[in-house]
Amino acid sequence: MNIRDNILLVKERIAAAACRSGRDPDDITLLAVTKNVSVDLIKQVYDCGFKEFGENRVQELQKKIALLPDDAVWHMIGHLQTNKIKYIIDKIGLIHSLDSLSLAREINRQALLQNMKVQVLLEINISGEQSKFGIPLSEAREFVKLVNCLPGLTVRGLMTMAPYTTYPEEVRPIFRGLKDLSERISRESSEINMDVLSMGMSNDFEVAVEEGATIVRVGTALFGV
């Protein structure tokens, strides 16, 4: 199966999942995750009409941004260290992995230096796994309020990483928990934007769509690697 076939199949699966939950497939962004993917394969996906790409590592992000056309929109989806922010802050459309107040403050500092606003999602550790980054669910609502006060940041919504499983139904409660949290935050404060839910990867994106994902982060199912 080639790249174009992979893309069509993933889009069909997203559309079917959206229809099952009464959603419009056009409301869901398919983000092509480029971790461990060659520039040649990325260009093949770009040539199929893709413009939205996600990368986990700053060094790889810098390299791949330089080799793709300027209209490609890059998302930072991996853990971000404070000392790396300055290298990418003006090159990315959305940071998915804001997971600490110290990181938020450094992004804010760098944003104000460049007279810009940085679009961010707050990473929430819904599953409670110690091996995963993210704000604990019990601290999430207060964290959102603190970040929303920083003038160099624009909060767009939430992100989570579900545990890996070969049985996607097992992680449905994780995605439902993030959706419930976003709705609770919206009810408590109309000033906080909760339009974006980034959740779901190659092994579980259909369940994520059924539970309200607006961005699914898919690598293996697209690139085959």
C-alpha atoms as a PDB file:
ATOM      1  CA  MET A   1       0.000   0.000   0.000  1.00  0.00           C
ATOM      2  CA  ASN A   2       1.424   3.418  -0.944  1.00  0.00           C
ATOM      3  CA  ILE A   3       1.278   6.757   0.827  1.00  0.00           C
ATOM      4  CA  ARG A   4      -1.753   7.995  -1.128  1.00  0.00           C
ATOM      5  CA  ASP A   5      -3.678   4.806  -0.301  1.00  0.00           C
ATOM      6  CA  ASN A   6      -2.724   5.149   3.371  1.00  0.00           C
ATOM      7  CA  ILE A   7      -4.047   8.723   3.451  1.00  0.00           C
ATOM      8  CA  LEU A   8      -7.336   7.774   1.818  1.00  0.00           C
ATOM      9  CA  LEU A   9      -7.843   4.873   4.217  1.00  0.00           C
ATOM     10  CA  VAL A  10      -7.124   6.971   7.325  1.00  0.00           C
ATOM     11  CA  LYS A  11      -9.467   9.717   6.108  1.00  0.00           C
ATOM     12  CA  GLU A  12     -12.191   7.141   5.448  1.00  0.00           C
ATOM     13  CA  ARG A  13     -11.785   5.742   8.961  1.00  0.00           C
ATOM     14  CA  ILE A  14     -11.965   9.247  10.459  1.00  0.00           C
ATOM     15  CA  ALA A  15     -15.099  10.026   8.443  1.00  0.00           C
ATOM     16  CA  ALA A  16     -16.759   6.786   9.534  1.00  0.00           C
ATOM     17  CA  ALA A  17     -15.938   7.439  13.197  1.00  0.00           C
ATOM     18  CA  ALA A  18     -17.259  10.987  12.893  1.00  0.00           C
ATOM     19  CA  CYS A  19     -20.500   9.752  11.351  1.00  0.00           C
ATOM     20  CA  ARG A  20     -20.949   7.181  14.122  1.00  0.00           C
ATOM     21  CA  SER A  21     -20.833   9.988  16.689  1.00  0.00           C
ATOM     22  CA  GLY A  22     -22.910  12.491  14.715  1.00  0.00           C
ATOM     23  CA  ARG A  23     -19.985  14.762  13.881  1.00  0.00           C
ATOM     24  CA  ASP A  24     -18.844  16.483  10.722  1.00  0.00           C
ATOM     25  CA  PRO A  25     -15.574  14.890   9.468  1.00  0.00           C
ATOM     26  CA  ASP A  26     -14.455  18.344   8.297  1.00  0.00           C
ATOM     27  CA  ASP A  27     -14.237  19.401  11.954  1.00  0.00           C
ATOM     28  CA  ILE A  28     -11.355  16.962  12.540  1.00  0.00           C
ATOM     29  CA  THR A  29      -7.769  17.783  11.559  1.00  0.00           C
ATOM     30  CA  LEU A  30      -5.546  14.897  10.544  1.00  0.00           C
ATOM     31  CA  LEU A  31      -2.051  15.789  11.739  1.00  0.00           C
ATOM     32  CA  ALA A  32       0.750  13.885   9.998  1.00  0.00           C
ATOM     33  CA  VAL A  33       3.283  12.917  12.672  1.00  0.00           C
ATOM     34  CA  THR A  34       6.821  12.907  11.285  1.00  0.00           C
ATOM     35  CA  LYS A  35       8.740  11.276  14.146  1.00  0.00           C
ATOM     36  CA  ASN A  36      11.371   8.930  12.634  1.00  0.00           C
ATOM     37  CA  VAL A  37      10.070   9.697   9.128  1.00  0.00           C
ATOM     38  CA  SER A  38      12.393  10.660   6.279  1.00  0.00           C
ATOM     39  CA  VAL A  39      12.037  14.002   4.515  1.00  0.00           C
ATOM     40  CA  ASP A  40      11.317  12.120   1.276  1.00  0.00           C
ATOM     41  CA  LEU A  41       8.248  10.447   2.776  1.00  0.00           C
ATOM     42  CA  ILE A  42       7.106  13.721   4.326  1.00  0.00           C
ATOM     43  CA  LYS A  43       7.329  15.394   0.926  1.00  0.00           C
ATOM     44  CA  GLN A  44       5.203  12.609  -0.554  1.00  0.00           C
ATOM     45  CA  VAL A  45       2.484  13.348   1.983  1.00  0.00           C
ATOM     46  CA  TYR A  46       2.829  17.076   1.351  1.00  0.00           C
ATOM     47  CA  ASP A  47       2.420  16.447  -2.383  1.00  0.00           C
ATOM     48  CA  CYS A  48      -0.876  14.706  -1.618  1.00  0.00           C
ATOM     49  CA  GLY A  49      -2.218  17.978  -0.247  1.00  0.00           C
ATOM     50  CA  PHE A  50      -1.175  17.780   3.408  1.00  0.00           C
ATOM     51  CA  LYS A  51      -0.154  21.007   5.100  1.00  0.00           C
ATOM     52  CA  GLU A  52      -0.281  20.091   8.822  1.00  0.00           C
ATOM     53  CA  PHE A  53       2.662  18.202  10.341  1.00  0.00           C
ATOM     54  CA  GLY A  54       3.627  17.314  13.900  1.00  0.00           C
ATOM     55  CA  GLU A  55       7.107  16.603  15.233  1.00  0.00           C
ATOM     56  CA  ASN A  56       8.286  15.353  18.626  1.00  0.00           C
ATOM     57  CA  ARG A  57      11.847  16.668  18.738  1.00  0.00           C
ATOM     58  CA  VAL A  58      13.095  20.230  18.363  1.00  0.00           C
ATOM     59  CA  GLN A  59      16.215  19.286  16.407  1.00  0.00           C
ATOM     60  CA  GLU A  60      14.191  17.233  13.911  1.00  0.00           C
ATOM     61  CA  LEU A  61      11.608  19.989  13.683  1.00  0.00           C
ATOM     62  CA  GLN A  62      14.250  22.568  12.753  1.00  0.00           C
ATOM     63  CA  LYS A  63      15.688  20.311  10.059  1.00  0.00           C
ATOM     64  CA  LYS A  64      12.356  19.375   8.506  1.00  0.00           C
ATOM     65  CA  ILE A  65      10.943  22.901   8.537  1.00  0.00           C
ATOM     66  CA  ALA A  66      13.921  24.029   6.472  1.00  0.00           C
ATOM     67  CA  LEU A  67      13.362  21.312   3.853  1.00  0.00           C
ATOM     68  CA  LEU A  68       9.616  21.681   3.297  1.00  0.00           C
ATOM     69  CA  PRO A  69       7.734  24.508   1.551  1.00  0.00           C
ATOM     70  CA  ASP A  70       6.887  27.565   3.631  1.00  0.00           C
ATOM     71  CA  ASP A  71       3.141  26.896   3.600  1.00  0.00           C
ATOM     72  CA  ALA A  72       3.550  23.728   5.694  1.00  0.00           C
ATOM     73  CA  VAL A  73       2.224  24.301   9.237  1.00  0.00           C
ATOM     74  CA  TRP A  74       4.257  22.628  11.974  1.00  0.00           C
ATOM     75  CA  HIS A  75       3.020  21.520  15.386  1.00  0.00           C
ATOM     76  CA  MET A  76       5.273  20.710  18.338  1.00  0.00           C
ATOM     77  CA  ILE A  77       3.737  17.590  19.862  1.00  0.00           C
ATOM     78  CA  GLY A  78       6.590  16.176  21.980  1.00  0.00           C
ATOM     79  CA  HIS A  79       7.920  17.140  25.381  1.00  0.00           C
ATOM     80  CA  LEU A  80       9.447  20.604  25.158  1.00  0.00           C
ATOM     81  CA  GLN A  81      12.390  21.773  27.274  1.00  0.00           C
ATOM     82  CA  THR A  82      12.487  25.429  28.298  1.00  0.00           C
ATOM     83  CA  ASN A  83      15.951  25.976  26.800  1.00  0.00           C
ATOM     84  CA  LYS A  84      14.738  24.857  23.346  1.00  0.00           C
ATOM     85  CA  ILE A  85      11.775  27.220  23.015  1.00  0.00           C
ATOM     86  CA  LYS A  86      13.754  30.063  21.460  1.00  0.00           C
ATOM     87  CA  TYR A  87      14.696  27.883  18.492  1.00  0.00           C
ATOM     88  CA  ILE A  88      11.138  27.173  17.354  1.00  0.00           C
ATOM     89  CA  ILE A  89       8.827  29.773  18.856  1.00  0.00           C
ATOM     90  CA  ASP A  90       8.401  31.714  15.618  1.00  0.00           C
ATOM     91  CA  LYS A  91       8.265  28.622  13.397  1.00  0.00           C
ATOM     92  CA  ILE A  92       5.325  26.624  14.725  1.00  0.00           C
ATOM     93  CA  GLY A  93       1.587  26.984  14.477  1.00  0.00           C
ATOM     94  CA  LEU A  94       0.670  25.191  17.699  1.00  0.00           C
ATOM     95  CA  ILE A  95       2.412  23.738  20.758  1.00  0.00           C
ATOM     96  CA  HIS A  96       0.485  20.670  21.960  1.00  0.00           C
ATOM     97  CA  SER A  97       2.643  19.801  24.958  1.00  0.00           C
ATOM     98  CA  LEU A  98       2.552  22.653  27.466  1.00  0.00           C
ATOM     99  CA  ASP A  99       2.912  20.663  30.679  1.00  0.00           C
ATOM    100  CA  SER A 100       4.302  22.940  33.397  1.00  0.00           C
ATOM    101  CA  LEU A 101       4.030  26.483  34.696  1.00  0.00           C
ATOM    102  CA  SER A 102       7.782  27.026  34.241  1.00  0.00           C
ATOM    103  CA  LEU A 103       7.466  26.103  30.558  1.00  0.00           C
ATOM    104  CA  ALA A 104       4.453  28.384  30.180  1.00  0.00           C
ATOM    105  CA  ARG A 105       6.343  31.300  31.702  1.00  0.00           C
ATOM    106  CA  GLU A 106       9.351  30.788  29.416  1.00  0.00           C
ATOM    107  CA  ILE A 107       7.142  30.568  26.327  1.00  0.00           C
ATOM    108  CA  ASN A 108       5.449  33.757  27.487  1.00  0.00           C
ATOM    109  CA  ARG A 109       8.809  35.488  28.010  1.00  0.00           C
ATOM    110  CA  GLN A 110      10.060  34.532  24.571  1.00  0.00           C
ATOM    111  CA  ALA A 111       6.742  35.497  22.970  1.00  0.00           C
ATOM    112  CA  LEU A 112       6.797  38.965  24.510  1.00  0.00           C
ATOM    113  CA  LEU A 113      10.387  39.479  23.357  1.00  0.00           C
ATOM    114  CA  GLN A 114       9.231  38.817  19.801  1.00  0.00           C
ATOM    115  CA  ASN A 115       5.957  40.724  20.162  1.00  0.00           C
ATOM    116  CA  MET A 116       3.848  37.684  19.320  1.00  0.00           C
ATOM    117  CA  LYS A 117       1.262  35.336  20.773  1.00  0.00           C
ATOM    118  CA  VAL A 118       1.951  31.610  20.849  1.00  0.00           C
ATOM    119  CA  GLN A 119      -0.902  29.163  20.328  1.00  0.00           C
ATOM    120  CA  VAL A 120      -0.808  26.374  22.925  1.00  0.00           C
ATOM    121  CA  LEU A 121      -2.615  23.286  24.124  1.00  0.00           C
ATOM    122  CA  LEU A 122      -2.264  22.168  27.714  1.00  0.00           C
ATOM    123  CA  GLU A 123      -1.113  18.566  28.100  1.00  0.00           C
ATOM    124  CA  ILE A 124      -3.174  16.731  30.717  1.00  0.00           C
ATOM    125  CA  ASN A 125      -2.160  13.355  32.110  1.00  0.00           C
ATOM    126  CA  ILE A 126      -5.656  11.879  32.254  1.00  0.00           C
ATOM    127  CA  SER A 127      -4.420   8.298  32.697  1.00  0.00           C
ATOM    128  CA  GLY A 128      -2.236   9.167  35.685  1.00  0.00           C
ATOM    129  CA  GLU A 129       0.694   7.159  34.303  1.00  0.00           C
ATOM    130  CA  GLN A 130       3.949   8.220  35.946  1.00  0.00           C
ATOM    131  CA  SER A 131       5.838   7.552  32.724  1.00  0.00           C
ATOM    132  CA  LYS A 132       3.873  10.235  30.869  1.00  0.00           C
ATOM    133  CA  PHE A 133       4.269  13.992  30.899  1.00  0.00           C
ATOM    134  CA  GLY A 134       1.330  16.255  31.588  1.00  0.00           C
ATOM    135  CA  ILE A 135      -0.541  18.046  34.347  1.00  0.00           C
ATOM    136  CA  PRO A 136      -2.421  15.724  36.734  1.00  0.00           C
ATOM    137  CA  LEU A 137      -6.176  15.835  36.269  1.00  0.00           C
ATOM    138  CA  SER A 138      -6.613  17.116  39.842  1.00  0.00           C
ATOM    139  CA  GLU A 139      -4.513  20.218  39.045  1.00  0.00           C
ATOM    140  CA  ALA A 140      -5.713  20.842  35.507  1.00  0.00           C
ATOM    141  CA  ARG A 141      -8.421  23.458  36.085  1.00  0.00           C
ATOM    142  CA  GLU A 142      -6.191  25.683  38.214  1.00  0.00           C
ATOM    143  CA  PHE A 143      -3.310  25.273  35.749  1.00  0.00           C
ATOM    144  CA  VAL A 144      -5.513  26.373  32.850  1.00  0.00           C
ATOM    145  CA  LYS A 145      -6.499  29.539  34.718  1.00  0.00           C
ATOM    146  CA  LEU A 146      -2.869  30.433  35.475  1.00  0.00           C
ATOM    147  CA  VAL A 147      -1.711  29.887  31.889  1.00  0.00           C
ATOM    148  CA  ASN A 148      -4.656  31.801  30.471  1.00  0.00           C
ATOM    149  CA  CYS A 149      -3.461  34.915  32.315  1.00  0.00           C
ATOM    150  CA  LEU A 150      -0.115  35.006  30.478  1.00  0.00           C
ATOM    151  CA  PRO A 151      -0.291  37.683  27.762  1.00  0.00           C
ATOM    152  CA  GLY A 152       2.084  35.964  25.317  1.00  0.00           C
ATOM    153  CA  LEU A 153       0.034  32.773  25.123  1.00  0.00           C
ATOM    154  CA  THR A 154      -3.304  31.908  23.555  1.00  0.00           C
ATOM    155  CA  VAL A 155      -4.834  28.778  25.057  1.00  0.00           C
ATOM    156  CA  ARG A 156      -6.643  26.806  22.355  1.00  0.00           C
ATOM    157  CA  GLY A 157      -7.607  23.672  24.297  1.00  0.00           C
ATOM    158  CA  LEU A 158      -6.215  20.426  25.670  1.00  0.00           C
ATOM    159  CA  MET A 159      -4.055  17.457  24.679  1.00  0.00           C
ATOM    160  CA  THR A 160      -3.537  14.010  26.173  1.00  0.00           C
ATOM    161  CA  MET A 161      -1.551  10.847  25.501  1.00  0.00           C
ATOM    162  CA  ALA A 162      -3.455   7.620  26.094  1.00  0.00           C
ATOM    163  CA  PRO A 163      -1.646   4.433  27.144  1.00  0.00           C
ATOM    164  CA  TYR A 164      -0.643   2.281  24.181  1.00  0.00           C
ATOM    165  CA  THR A 165      -2.948  -0.675  23.658  1.00  0.00           C
ATOM    166  CA  THR A 166      -3.937  -3.051  20.898  1.00  0.00           C
ATOM    167  CA  TYR A 167      -7.536  -2.777  22.149  1.00  0.00           C
ATOM    168  CA  PRO A 168      -8.625   0.847  21.530  1.00  0.00           C
ATOM    169  CA  GLU A 169     -11.814   0.495  23.564  1.00  0.00           C
ATOM    170  CA  GLU A 170      -9.643   0.293  26.675  1.00  0.00           C
ATOM    171  CA  VAL A 171      -8.632   3.934  26.296  1.00  0.00           C
ATOM    172  CA  ARG A 172     -12.088   5.344  25.561  1.00  0.00           C
ATOM    173  CA  PRO A 173     -12.399   6.564  29.185  1.00  0.00           C
ATOM    174  CA  ILE A 174      -9.160   8.556  28.740  1.00  0.00           C
ATOM    175  CA  PHE A 175     -10.518  10.456  25.750  1.00  0.00           C
ATOM    176  CA  ARG A 176     -13.899  10.892  27.374  1.00  0.00           C
ATOM    177  CA  GLY A 177     -12.154  12.276  30.458  1.00  0.00           C
ATOM    178  CA  LEU A 178     -10.365  14.945  28.424  1.00  0.00           C
ATOM    179  CA  LYS A 179     -13.598  15.934  26.701  1.00  0.00           C
ATOM    180  CA  ASP A 180     -15.397  16.136  30.046  1.00  0.00           C
ATOM    181  CA  LEU A 181     -12.599  18.297  31.455  1.00  0.00           C
ATOM    182  CA  SER A 182     -12.736  20.704  28.517  1.00  0.00           C
ATOM    183  CA  GLU A 183     -16.497  21.066  28.895  1.00  0.00           C
ATOM    184  CA  ARG A 184     -16.169  21.679  32.632  1.00  0.00           C
ATOM    185  CA  ILE A 185     -13.532  24.373  32.058  1.00  0.00           C
ATOM    186  CA  SER A 186     -15.767  26.021  29.453  1.00  0.00           C
ATOM    187  CA  ARG A 187     -18.710  26.072  31.855  1.00  0.00           C
ATOM    188  CA  GLU A 188     -16.612  27.611  34.609  1.00  0.00           C
ATOM    189  CA  SER A 189     -15.065  30.346  32.451  1.00  0.00           C
ATOM    190  CA  SER A 190     -16.288  31.545  29.079  1.00  0.00           C
ATOM    191  CA  GLU A 191     -12.998  33.466  28.706  1.00  0.00           C
ATOM    192  CA  ILE A 192     -10.939  30.276  28.321  1.00  0.00           C
ATOM    193  CA  ASN A 193     -10.860  28.779  24.834  1.00  0.00           C
ATOM    194  CA  MET A 194     -11.476  25.021  24.738  1.00  0.00           C
ATOM    195  CA  ASP A 195     -12.099  24.586  21.013  1.00  0.00           C
ATOM    196  CA  VAL A 196      -9.292  22.084  20.398  1.00  0.00           C
ATOM    197  CA  LEU A 197      -8.892  18.536  21.693  1.00  0.00           C
ATOM    198  CA  SER A 198      -5.717  16.832  20.484  1.00  0.00           C
ATOM    199  CA  MET A 199      -6.034  13.126  21.217  1.00  0.00           C
ATOM    200  CA  GLY A 200      -5.740   9.843  19.402  1.00  0.00           C
ATOM    201  CA  MET A 201      -2.887   8.245  17.449  1.00  0.00           C
ATOM    202  CA  SER A 202      -2.528   5.531  14.814  1.00  0.00           C
ATOM    203  CA  ASN A 203      -3.791   2.731  17.059  1.00  0.00           C
ATOM    204  CA  ASP A 204      -6.774   4.512  18.620  1.00  0.00           C
ATOM    205  CA  PHE A 205      -7.749   7.604  16.609  1.00  0.00           C
ATOM    206  CA  GLU A 206     -11.206   6.301  15.701  1.00  0.00           C
ATOM    207  CA  VAL A 207     -12.199   6.038  19.369  1.00  0.00           C
ATOM    208  CA  ALA A 208     -10.726   9.505  19.952  1.00  0.00           C
ATOM    209  CA  VAL A 209     -12.846  10.941  17.139  1.00  0.00           C
ATOM    210  CA  GLU A 210     -15.952   9.300  18.592  1.00  0.00           C
ATOM    211  CA  GLU A 211     -15.163  10.973  21.920  1.00  0.00           C
ATOM    212  CA  GLY A 212     -14.639  14.473  20.525  1.00  0.00           C
ATOM    213  CA  ALA A 213     -11.091  14.813  19.172  1.00  0.00           C
ATOM    214  CA  THR A 214     -10.614  17.792  16.864  1.00  0.00           C
ATOM    215  CA  ILE A 215      -6.980  16.860  16.063  1.00  0.00           C
ATOM    216  CA  VAL A 216      -5.730  13.287  15.692  1.00  0.00           C
ATOM    217  CA  ARG A 217      -1.968  12.743  15.593  1.00  0.00           C
ATOM    218  CA  VAL A 218      -1.273   9.954  13.093  1.00  0.00           C
ATOM    219  CA  GLY A 219       2.141   8.746  11.967  1.00  0.00           C
ATOM    220  CA  THR A 220       2.460   4.998  11.383  1.00  0.00           C
ATOM    221  CA  ALA A 221      -0.932   4.596   9.710  1.00  0.00           C
ATOM    222  CA  LEU A 222       0.021   7.304   7.195  1.00  0.00           C
ATOM    223  CA  PHE A 223       3.696   6.689   6.572  1.00  0.00           C
ATOM    224  CA  GLY A 224       3.845   2.965   7.250  1.00  0.00           C
ATOM    225  CA  VAL A 225       6.898   3.414   9.505  1.00  0.00           C
END
